Amino acid sequence: MFDFKNKVVVITGGSSGIGKALVNLFLEQGAKVAACGRDFDRLYQLQALHPNLPLFIYTADVSLESDCKAFIEKTIKTFGTIDVIINNAGISMRALFAETEIETLKKSMDINFWGAVYCTKYALPYITLNKGIIVGVSSIAGFRGLPGRSGYSASKFALNGWLETIRTELMNEGISVITVCPGFTASNIRKVALNKNAQPEDDSKLDEQKLMSAEECASHIYKAMRLKKRTLILTMQGKETVFLNRFLPKLADKLVHKFYFKNGELVK
């Protein structure tokens, strides 16, 4: 099992939701953590919770290569190396493709896909040296396209394909590459999902009390990383969706349509 004590763990999107839960968990396990996010106030509050622990925070927009490069460089300057990167930063969307502005799709791709690529590219020399771990927090939408989430699904499909590629390229380097698909989780990503005009809009209809907590999700991710798993798909609904889409794709089309549409209207 991989031991995270004194290892340097980089977490993008670390100011809220799953990212924040991961920051808290890895600090508890004795790791040195570097976390980035777009909201400085939330990052500052996170650091205030751990005044005596090795936590480095940095305000960054992962859709910008320059921000990602600066974040990784500052992390190296602070801790000297990087053992693990968890590409957790992400954004969702809710709008039918026919009604969606191109900017919504571009933002989804820039954050969900390019953000992971940029940060990993600059961290890779150190992770390679340390035979570390690369994690991509993806989605069931990366295995099965979901109505109202064309840009989100496209970005997660791209992320999954990229993770599979680098996993194969790096398999003789002692590096573990893990694809994580959390399923519906009580996190901030849905609350700031983009609408058709590329603006954040809090209109999620999901019942938070029925969703997996960010802390539980982080715990599953941590265990998968310790075991260096290849893929982690959480929730039975997620596993069923991936299975049906692979072996019974026409049935999957019908079931997914039924789930997302009521009386001809997109409901989630």
C-alpha atoms as a PDB file:
ATOM      1  CA  MET A   1       0.000   0.000   0.000  1.00  0.00           C
ATOM      2  CA  PHE A   2       1.106   3.546  -0.736  1.00  0.00           C
ATOM      3  CA  ASP A   3       2.007   5.526   2.399  1.00  0.00           C
ATOM      4  CA  PHE A   4       1.143   9.241   2.232  1.00  0.00           C
ATOM      5  CA  LYS A   5       2.999  10.324   5.360  1.00  0.00           C
ATOM      6  CA  ASN A   6       5.329  13.227   4.449  1.00  0.00           C
ATOM      7  CA  LYS A   7       4.381  12.893   0.765  1.00  0.00           C
ATOM      8  CA  VAL A   8       3.552  16.071  -1.175  1.00  0.00           C
ATOM      9  CA  VAL A   9      -0.024  15.921  -2.467  1.00  0.00           C
ATOM     10  CA  VAL A  10      -1.312  18.508  -4.957  1.00  0.00           C
ATOM     11  CA  ILE A  11      -5.086  18.999  -5.094  1.00  0.00           C
ATOM     12  CA  THR A  12      -6.823  21.270  -7.592  1.00  0.00           C
ATOM     13  CA  GLY A  13     -10.249  22.656  -6.750  1.00  0.00           C
ATOM     14  CA  GLY A  14      -9.355  22.281  -3.090  1.00  0.00           C
ATOM     15  CA  SER A  15     -11.465  25.061  -1.606  1.00  0.00           C
ATOM     16  CA  SER A  16     -14.834  23.263  -1.466  1.00  0.00           C
ATOM     17  CA  GLY A  17     -16.668  19.970  -1.906  1.00  0.00           C
ATOM     18  CA  ILE A  18     -14.656  16.842  -2.640  1.00  0.00           C
ATOM     19  CA  GLY A  19     -11.442  18.844  -2.991  1.00  0.00           C
ATOM     20  CA  LYS A  20     -11.754  20.377   0.464  1.00  0.00           C
ATOM     21  CA  ALA A  21     -12.584  16.979   1.965  1.00  0.00           C
ATOM     22  CA  LEU A  22      -9.462  15.531   0.299  1.00  0.00           C
ATOM     23  CA  VAL A  23      -7.297  18.347   1.674  1.00  0.00           C
ATOM     24  CA  ASN A  24      -8.554  17.665   5.201  1.00  0.00           C
ATOM     25  CA  LEU A  25      -8.106  13.911   4.843  1.00  0.00           C
ATOM     26  CA  PHE A  26      -4.552  13.974   3.494  1.00  0.00           C
ATOM     27  CA  LEU A  27      -3.437  16.447   6.137  1.00  0.00           C
ATOM     28  CA  GLU A  28      -4.847  14.082   8.766  1.00  0.00           C
ATOM     29  CA  GLN A  29      -2.767  11.303   7.211  1.00  0.00           C
ATOM     30  CA  GLY A  30       0.453  13.274   7.593  1.00  0.00           C
ATOM     31  CA  ALA A  31       0.857  14.484   4.024  1.00  0.00           C
ATOM     32  CA  LYS A  32       2.068  17.887   2.891  1.00  0.00           C
ATOM     33  CA  VAL A  33      -0.722  19.421   0.820  1.00  0.00           C
ATOM     34  CA  ALA A  34      -0.779  22.100  -1.872  1.00  0.00           C
ATOM     35  CA  ALA A  35      -4.296  23.199  -2.814  1.00  0.00           C
ATOM     36  CA  CYS A  36      -5.496  25.649  -5.422  1.00  0.00           C
ATOM     37  CA  GLY A  37      -8.866  27.211  -6.191  1.00  0.00           C
ATOM     38  CA  ARG A  38     -10.392  30.347  -7.653  1.00  0.00           C
ATOM     39  CA  ASP A  39     -11.870  31.613  -4.382  1.00  0.00           C
ATOM     40  CA  PHE A  40      -9.149  33.086  -2.154  1.00  0.00           C
ATOM     41  CA  ASP A  41     -11.506  33.588   0.804  1.00  0.00           C
ATOM     42  CA  ARG A  42     -12.446  29.914   0.877  1.00  0.00           C
ATOM     43  CA  LEU A  43      -8.816  28.885   0.571  1.00  0.00           C
ATOM     44  CA  TYR A  44      -7.868  31.230   3.408  1.00  0.00           C
ATOM     45  CA  GLN A  45     -10.630  29.775   5.593  1.00  0.00           C
ATOM     46  CA  LEU A  46      -9.350  26.294   4.787  1.00  0.00           C
ATOM     47  CA  GLN A  47      -5.827  27.234   5.805  1.00  0.00           C
ATOM     48  CA  ALA A  48      -7.162  28.766   9.024  1.00  0.00           C
ATOM     49  CA  LEU A  49      -8.545  25.341   9.960  1.00  0.00           C
ATOM     50  CA  HIS A  50      -5.012  23.891   9.849  1.00  0.00           C
ATOM     51  CA  PRO A  51      -2.711  26.591  11.251  1.00  0.00           C
ATOM     52  CA  ASN A  52       0.043  24.187  12.293  1.00  0.00           C
ATOM     53  CA  LEU A  53      -0.067  21.733   9.395  1.00  0.00           C
ATOM     54  CA  PRO A  54       1.907  21.821   6.107  1.00  0.00           C
ATOM     55  CA  LEU A  55      -0.763  23.313   3.831  1.00  0.00           C
ATOM     56  CA  PHE A  56       0.137  25.608   0.942  1.00  0.00           C
ATOM     57  CA  ILE A  57      -2.726  27.463  -0.757  1.00  0.00           C
ATOM     58  CA  TYR A  58      -2.678  29.253  -4.087  1.00  0.00           C
ATOM     59  CA  THR A  59      -5.359  31.143  -5.962  1.00  0.00           C
ATOM     60  CA  ALA A  60      -5.517  29.810  -9.518  1.00  0.00           C
ATOM     61  CA  ASP A  61      -7.891  29.331 -12.420  1.00  0.00           C
ATOM     62  CA  VAL A  62      -6.922  25.945 -13.872  1.00  0.00           C
ATOM     63  CA  SER A  63      -8.324  26.881 -17.276  1.00  0.00           C
ATOM     64  CA  LEU A  64      -5.291  29.169 -17.607  1.00  0.00           C
ATOM     65  CA  GLU A  65      -1.997  27.414 -18.349  1.00  0.00           C
ATOM     66  CA  SER A  66      -0.029  30.254 -16.756  1.00  0.00           C
ATOM     67  CA  ASP A  67      -1.914  29.833 -13.463  1.00  0.00           C
ATOM     68  CA  CYS A  68      -1.304  26.082 -13.468  1.00  0.00           C
ATOM     69  CA  LYS A  69       2.390  26.519 -14.198  1.00  0.00           C
ATOM     70  CA  ALA A  70       2.741  29.102 -11.424  1.00  0.00           C
ATOM     71  CA  PHE A  71       0.870  26.879  -8.942  1.00  0.00           C
ATOM     72  CA  ILE A  72       3.146  23.918  -9.584  1.00  0.00           C
ATOM     73  CA  GLU A  73       6.283  26.090  -9.473  1.00  0.00           C
ATOM     74  CA  LYS A  74       5.207  27.645  -6.148  1.00  0.00           C
ATOM     75  CA  THR A  75       4.489  24.168  -4.774  1.00  0.00           C
ATOM     76  CA  ILE A  76       7.984  23.019  -5.708  1.00  0.00           C
ATOM     77  CA  LYS A  77       9.455  26.147  -4.135  1.00  0.00           C
ATOM     78  CA  THR A  78       7.475  25.455  -0.946  1.00  0.00           C
ATOM     79  CA  PHE A  79       7.884  21.680  -0.577  1.00  0.00           C
ATOM     80  CA  GLY A  80      10.738  20.781  -2.931  1.00  0.00           C
ATOM     81  CA  THR A  81       8.918  18.048  -4.865  1.00  0.00           C
ATOM     82  CA  ILE A  82       5.542  16.499  -5.760  1.00  0.00           C
ATOM     83  CA  ASP A  83       4.529  12.891  -5.173  1.00  0.00           C
ATOM     84  CA  VAL A  84       0.825  12.973  -6.011  1.00  0.00           C
ATOM     85  CA  ILE A  85      -1.526  15.135  -8.051  1.00  0.00           C
ATOM     86  CA  ILE A  86      -5.318  14.942  -7.749  1.00  0.00           C
ATOM     87  CA  ASN A  87      -6.970  16.760 -10.643  1.00  0.00           C
ATOM     88  CA  ASN A  88     -10.242  17.522  -8.915  1.00  0.00           C
ATOM     89  CA  ALA A  89     -11.172  21.000 -10.209  1.00  0.00           C
ATOM     90  CA  GLY A  90     -14.262  20.854 -12.364  1.00  0.00           C
ATOM     91  CA  ILE A  91     -17.414  22.563 -13.525  1.00  0.00           C
ATOM     92  CA  SER A  92     -20.745  21.174 -14.698  1.00  0.00           C
ATOM     93  CA  MET A  93     -23.465  22.520 -16.989  1.00  0.00           C
ATOM     94  CA  ARG A  94     -27.224  22.161 -17.495  1.00  0.00           C
ATOM     95  CA  ALA A  95     -28.648  23.089 -20.895  1.00  0.00           C
ATOM     96  CA  LEU A  96     -29.761  21.356 -24.075  1.00  0.00           C
ATOM     97  CA  PHE A  97     -27.121  21.474 -26.817  1.00  0.00           C
ATOM     98  CA  ALA A  98     -29.467  23.211 -29.274  1.00  0.00           C
ATOM     99  CA  GLU A  99     -29.881  26.099 -26.815  1.00  0.00           C
ATOM    100  CA  THR A 100     -26.304  26.258 -25.551  1.00  0.00           C
ATOM    101  CA  GLU A 101     -23.780  28.957 -26.416  1.00  0.00           C
ATOM    102  CA  ILE A 102     -20.399  27.677 -27.602  1.00  0.00           C
ATOM    103  CA  GLU A 103     -18.731  29.497 -24.677  1.00  0.00           C
ATOM    104  CA  THR A 104     -20.438  27.096 -22.250  1.00  0.00           C
ATOM    105  CA  LEU A 105     -18.853  24.137 -24.022  1.00  0.00           C
ATOM    106  CA  LYS A 106     -15.447  25.821 -24.177  1.00  0.00           C
ATOM    107  CA  LYS A 107     -15.475  26.647 -20.457  1.00  0.00           C
ATOM    108  CA  SER A 108     -16.351  23.044 -19.627  1.00  0.00           C
ATOM    109  CA  MET A 109     -13.448  21.751 -21.704  1.00  0.00           C
ATOM    110  CA  ASP A 110     -10.966  24.372 -20.491  1.00  0.00           C
ATOM    111  CA  ILE A 111     -11.560  23.600 -16.812  1.00  0.00           C
ATOM    112  CA  ASN A 112     -12.372  19.880 -16.776  1.00  0.00           C
ATOM    113  CA  PHE A 113      -9.886  18.691 -19.395  1.00  0.00           C
ATOM    114  CA  TRP A 114      -7.182  21.296 -20.006  1.00  0.00           C
ATOM    115  CA  GLY A 115      -6.901  22.123 -16.295  1.00  0.00           C
ATOM    116  CA  ALA A 116      -5.891  18.526 -15.586  1.00  0.00           C
ATOM    117  CA  VAL A 117      -3.519  18.442 -18.549  1.00  0.00           C
ATOM    118  CA  TYR A 118      -1.754  21.701 -17.627  1.00  0.00           C
ATOM    119  CA  CYS A 119      -1.209  20.868 -13.946  1.00  0.00           C
ATOM    120  CA  THR A 120      -0.122  17.298 -14.604  1.00  0.00           C
ATOM    121  CA  LYS A 121       2.274  18.325 -17.380  1.00  0.00           C
ATOM    122  CA  TYR A 122       4.231  20.628 -15.084  1.00  0.00           C
ATOM    123  CA  ALA A 123       4.122  18.227 -12.117  1.00  0.00           C
ATOM    124  CA  LEU A 124       5.024  15.101 -14.127  1.00  0.00           C
ATOM    125  CA  PRO A 125       8.852  15.273 -13.880  1.00  0.00           C
ATOM    126  CA  TYR A 126       8.635  15.196 -10.070  1.00  0.00           C
ATOM    127  CA  ILE A 127       5.923  12.528  -9.971  1.00  0.00           C
ATOM    128  CA  THR A 128       8.005  10.389 -12.327  1.00  0.00           C
ATOM    129  CA  LEU A 129      11.082  10.763 -10.145  1.00  0.00           C
ATOM    130  CA  ASN A 130       9.088   9.739  -7.064  1.00  0.00           C
ATOM    131  CA  LYS A 131       7.072   6.972  -8.774  1.00  0.00           C
ATOM    132  CA  GLY A 132       3.958   8.711  -7.574  1.00  0.00           C
ATOM    133  CA  ILE A 133       0.258   8.891  -8.363  1.00  0.00           C
ATOM    134  CA  ILE A 134      -1.851  10.841 -10.865  1.00  0.00           C
ATOM    135  CA  VAL A 135      -5.586  11.031 -10.197  1.00  0.00           C
ATOM    136  CA  GLY A 136      -8.277  12.412 -12.464  1.00  0.00           C
ATOM    137  CA  VAL A 137     -11.674  13.059 -10.883  1.00  0.00           C
ATOM    138  CA  SER A 138     -13.938  12.282 -13.808  1.00  0.00           C
ATOM    139  CA  SER A 139     -17.612  11.295 -13.946  1.00  0.00           C
ATOM    140  CA  ILE A 140     -20.057   8.712 -15.216  1.00  0.00           C
ATOM    141  CA  ALA A 141     -20.584  11.370 -17.904  1.00  0.00           C
ATOM    142  CA  GLY A 142     -17.120  10.373 -19.137  1.00  0.00           C
ATOM    143  CA  PHE A 143     -18.432   6.891 -19.961  1.00  0.00           C
ATOM    144  CA  ARG A 144     -21.990   7.739 -20.975  1.00  0.00           C
ATOM    145  CA  GLY A 145     -23.124  11.044 -22.528  1.00  0.00           C
ATOM    146  CA  LEU A 146     -25.819  12.692 -20.410  1.00  0.00           C
ATOM    147  CA  PRO A 147     -28.642  14.925 -21.688  1.00  0.00           C
ATOM    148  CA  GLY A 148     -28.229  18.587 -20.812  1.00  0.00           C
ATOM    149  CA  ARG A 149     -24.534  18.073 -20.211  1.00  0.00           C
ATOM    150  CA  SER A 150     -23.015  17.899 -23.681  1.00  0.00           C
ATOM    151  CA  GLY A 151     -19.983  20.043 -22.822  1.00  0.00           C
ATOM    152  CA  TYR A 152     -19.493  18.344 -19.459  1.00  0.00           C
ATOM    153  CA  SER A 153     -19.725  14.866 -21.003  1.00  0.00           C
ATOM    154  CA  ALA A 154     -17.340  15.816 -23.806  1.00  0.00           C
ATOM    155  CA  SER A 155     -14.761  17.139 -21.348  1.00  0.00           C
ATOM    156  CA  LYS A 156     -14.980  14.027 -19.171  1.00  0.00           C
ATOM    157  CA  PHE A 157     -14.742  11.692 -22.174  1.00  0.00           C
ATOM    158  CA  ALA A 158     -11.600  13.598 -23.152  1.00  0.00           C
ATOM    159  CA  LEU A 159     -10.264  13.342 -19.600  1.00  0.00           C
ATOM    160  CA  ASN A 160     -10.881   9.586 -19.492  1.00  0.00           C
ATOM    161  CA  GLY A 161      -9.153   9.037 -22.825  1.00  0.00           C
ATOM    162  CA  TRP A 162      -6.169  11.142 -21.797  1.00  0.00           C
ATOM    163  CA  LEU A 163      -5.839   9.322 -18.453  1.00  0.00           C
ATOM    164  CA  GLU A 164      -5.967   5.959 -20.231  1.00  0.00           C
ATOM    165  CA  THR A 165      -3.274   7.083 -22.642  1.00  0.00           C
ATOM    166  CA  ILE A 166      -0.815   8.353 -20.043  1.00  0.00           C
ATOM    167  CA  ARG A 167      -1.501   5.310 -17.856  1.00  0.00           C
ATOM    168  CA  THR A 168      -0.308   3.134 -20.717  1.00  0.00           C
ATOM    169  CA  GLU A 169       2.631   5.399 -21.547  1.00  0.00           C
ATOM    170  CA  LEU A 170       3.814   5.487 -17.937  1.00  0.00           C
ATOM    171  CA  MET A 171       3.117   1.896 -16.920  1.00  0.00           C
ATOM    172  CA  ASN A 172       6.828   1.001 -16.848  1.00  0.00           C
ATOM    173  CA  GLU A 173       7.738   4.116 -14.838  1.00  0.00           C
ATOM    174  CA  GLY A 174       6.146   2.911 -11.604  1.00  0.00           C
ATOM    175  CA  ILE A 175       3.456   5.618 -11.769  1.00  0.00           C
ATOM    176  CA  SER A 176      -0.154   4.877 -10.857  1.00  0.00           C
ATOM    177  CA  VAL A 177      -2.853   6.678 -12.898  1.00  0.00           C
ATOM    178  CA  ILE A 178      -6.348   6.470 -11.411  1.00  0.00           C
ATOM    179  CA  THR A 179      -9.676   7.462 -12.978  1.00  0.00           C
ATOM    180  CA  VAL A 180     -12.286   8.349 -10.358  1.00  0.00           C
ATOM    181  CA  CYS A 181     -16.014   8.649 -11.093  1.00  0.00           C
ATOM    182  CA  PRO A 182     -17.840   9.812  -7.953  1.00  0.00           C
ATOM    183  CA  GLY A 183     -21.461   9.780  -9.187  1.00  0.00           C
ATOM    184  CA  PHE A 184     -23.936  12.223  -7.622  1.00  0.00           C
ATOM    185  CA  THR A 185     -22.149  13.813  -4.662  1.00  0.00           C
ATOM    186  CA  ALA A 186     -23.113  16.653  -2.337  1.00  0.00           C
ATOM    187  CA  SER A 187     -20.560  19.139  -3.649  1.00  0.00           C
ATOM    188  CA  ASN A 188     -20.317  22.667  -4.984  1.00  0.00           C
ATOM    189  CA  ILE A 189     -19.855  21.632  -8.631  1.00  0.00           C
ATOM    190  CA  ARG A 190     -23.608  21.332  -9.266  1.00  0.00           C
ATOM    191  CA  LYS A 191     -24.406  24.554  -7.412  1.00  0.00           C
ATOM    192  CA  VAL A 192     -22.293  26.581  -9.837  1.00  0.00           C
ATOM    193  CA  ALA A 193     -23.148  24.624 -12.989  1.00  0.00           C
ATOM    194  CA  LEU A 194     -23.094  26.713 -16.151  1.00  0.00           C
ATOM    195  CA  ASN A 195     -26.330  27.570 -17.899  1.00  0.00           C
ATOM    196  CA  LYS A 196     -26.762  27.880 -21.669  1.00  0.00           C
ATOM    197  CA  ASN A 197     -25.098  31.318 -21.572  1.00  0.00           C
ATOM    198  CA  ALA A 198     -21.974  30.101 -19.734  1.00  0.00           C
ATOM    199  CA  GLN A 199     -23.084  31.717 -16.469  1.00  0.00           C
ATOM    200  CA  PRO A 200     -23.208  29.860 -13.116  1.00  0.00           C
ATOM    201  CA  GLU A 201     -26.755  29.016 -12.109  1.00  0.00           C
ATOM    202  CA  ASP A 202     -27.834  27.311  -8.887  1.00  0.00           C
ATOM    203  CA  ASP A 203     -30.939  25.393  -9.925  1.00  0.00           C
ATOM    204  CA  SER A 204     -30.074  21.783  -9.119  1.00  0.00           C
ATOM    205  CA  LYS A 205     -33.127  19.678  -8.308  1.00  0.00           C
ATOM    206  CA  LEU A 206     -31.161  16.933  -6.573  1.00  0.00           C
ATOM    207  CA  ASP A 207     -31.964  16.213  -2.923  1.00  0.00           C
ATOM    208  CA  GLU A 208     -28.689  16.773  -1.027  1.00  0.00           C
ATOM    209  CA  GLN A 209     -29.741  14.411   1.761  1.00  0.00           C
ATOM    210  CA  LYS A 210     -29.854  11.475  -0.662  1.00  0.00           C
ATOM    211  CA  LEU A 211     -26.398  12.104  -2.088  1.00  0.00           C
ATOM    212  CA  MET A 212     -23.024  10.759  -0.992  1.00  0.00           C
ATOM    213  CA  SER A 213     -21.207  13.284   1.180  1.00  0.00           C
ATOM    214  CA  ALA A 214     -17.969  14.863  -0.018  1.00  0.00           C
ATOM    215  CA  GLU A 215     -16.209  13.332   2.994  1.00  0.00           C
ATOM    216  CA  GLU A 216     -17.364   9.808   2.155  1.00  0.00           C
ATOM    217  CA  CYS A 217     -16.340  10.286  -1.466  1.00  0.00           C
ATOM    218  CA  ALA A 218     -12.895  11.523  -0.388  1.00  0.00           C
ATOM    219  CA  SER A 219     -12.487   8.455   1.819  1.00  0.00           C
ATOM    220  CA  HIS A 220     -13.190   6.144  -1.138  1.00  0.00           C
ATOM    221  CA  ILE A 221     -10.703   8.032  -3.295  1.00  0.00           C
ATOM    222  CA  TYR A 222      -8.058   7.827  -0.576  1.00  0.00           C
ATOM    223  CA  LYS A 223      -8.499   4.048  -0.246  1.00  0.00           C
ATOM    224  CA  ALA A 224      -8.313   3.592  -4.023  1.00  0.00           C
ATOM    225  CA  MET A 225      -5.095   5.591  -4.095  1.00  0.00           C
ATOM    226  CA  ARG A 226      -3.540   3.557  -1.304  1.00  0.00           C
ATOM    227  CA  LEU A 227      -4.283   0.399  -3.297  1.00  0.00           C
ATOM    228  CA  LYS A 228      -3.257   2.076  -6.599  1.00  0.00           C
ATOM    229  CA  LYS A 229      -6.455   1.042  -8.318  1.00  0.00           C
ATOM    230  CA  ARG A 230      -6.924   1.684 -12.018  1.00  0.00           C
ATOM    231  CA  THR A 231     -10.532   2.908 -11.917  1.00  0.00           C
ATOM    232  CA  LEU A 232     -12.943   3.812  -9.135  1.00  0.00           C
ATOM    233  CA  ILE A 233     -16.647   4.026  -9.967  1.00  0.00           C
ATOM    234  CA  LEU A 234     -18.778   4.948  -6.973  1.00  0.00           C
ATOM    235  CA  THR A 235     -22.523   4.285  -6.472  1.00  0.00           C
ATOM    236  CA  MET A 236     -24.458   1.326  -7.836  1.00  0.00           C
ATOM    237  CA  GLN A 237     -26.290   3.624 -10.238  1.00  0.00           C
ATOM    238  CA  GLY A 238     -22.974   4.630 -11.771  1.00  0.00           C
ATOM    239  CA  LYS A 239     -21.778   1.041 -12.131  1.00  0.00           C
ATOM    240  CA  GLU A 240     -25.084   0.003 -13.707  1.00  0.00           C
ATOM    241  CA  THR A 241     -24.938   2.902 -16.169  1.00  0.00           C
ATOM    242  CA  VAL A 242     -21.417   2.026 -17.316  1.00  0.00           C
ATOM    243  CA  PHE A 243     -22.341  -1.667 -17.641  1.00  0.00           C
ATOM    244  CA  LEU A 244     -25.523  -1.023 -19.630  1.00  0.00           C
ATOM    245  CA  ASN A 245     -23.834   1.496 -21.915  1.00  0.00           C
ATOM    246  CA  ARG A 246     -21.095  -1.003 -22.733  1.00  0.00           C
ATOM    247  CA  PHE A 247     -23.213  -4.101 -23.317  1.00  0.00           C
ATOM    248  CA  LEU A 248     -26.767  -2.806 -23.986  1.00  0.00           C
ATOM    249  CA  PRO A 249     -26.292   0.673 -25.459  1.00  0.00           C
ATOM    250  CA  LYS A 250     -29.785   1.017 -26.963  1.00  0.00           C
ATOM    251  CA  LEU A 251     -31.390   0.181 -23.636  1.00  0.00           C
ATOM    252  CA  ALA A 252     -29.040   2.661 -21.964  1.00  0.00           C
ATOM    253  CA  ASP A 253     -30.239   5.369 -24.379  1.00  0.00           C
ATOM    254  CA  LYS A 254     -33.856   4.771 -23.382  1.00  0.00           C
ATOM    255  CA  LEU A 255     -33.199   4.586 -19.645  1.00  0.00           C
ATOM    256  CA  VAL A 256     -31.013   7.692 -19.575  1.00  0.00           C
ATOM    257  CA  HIS A 257     -33.631   9.613 -21.591  1.00  0.00           C
ATOM    258  CA  LYS A 258     -36.360   8.513 -19.195  1.00  0.00           C
ATOM    259  CA  PHE A 259     -34.268   9.620 -16.209  1.00  0.00           C
ATOM    260  CA  TYR A 260     -33.508  13.103 -17.543  1.00  0.00           C
ATOM    261  CA  PHE A 261     -36.737  13.972 -19.329  1.00  0.00           C
ATOM    262  CA  LYS A 262     -40.267  14.325 -17.945  1.00  0.00           C
ATOM    263  CA  ASN A 263     -43.103  15.283 -20.313  1.00  0.00           C
ATOM    264  CA  GLY A 264     -40.524  16.159 -22.940  1.00  0.00           C
ATOM    265  CA  GLU A 265     -38.673  18.610 -20.669  1.00  0.00           C
ATOM    266  CA  LEU A 266     -35.161  18.335 -19.253  1.00  0.00           C
ATOM    267  CA  VAL A 267     -35.701  18.112 -15.496  1.00  0.00           C
ATOM    268  CA  LYS A 268     -32.211  17.965 -13.943  1.00  0.00           C
END
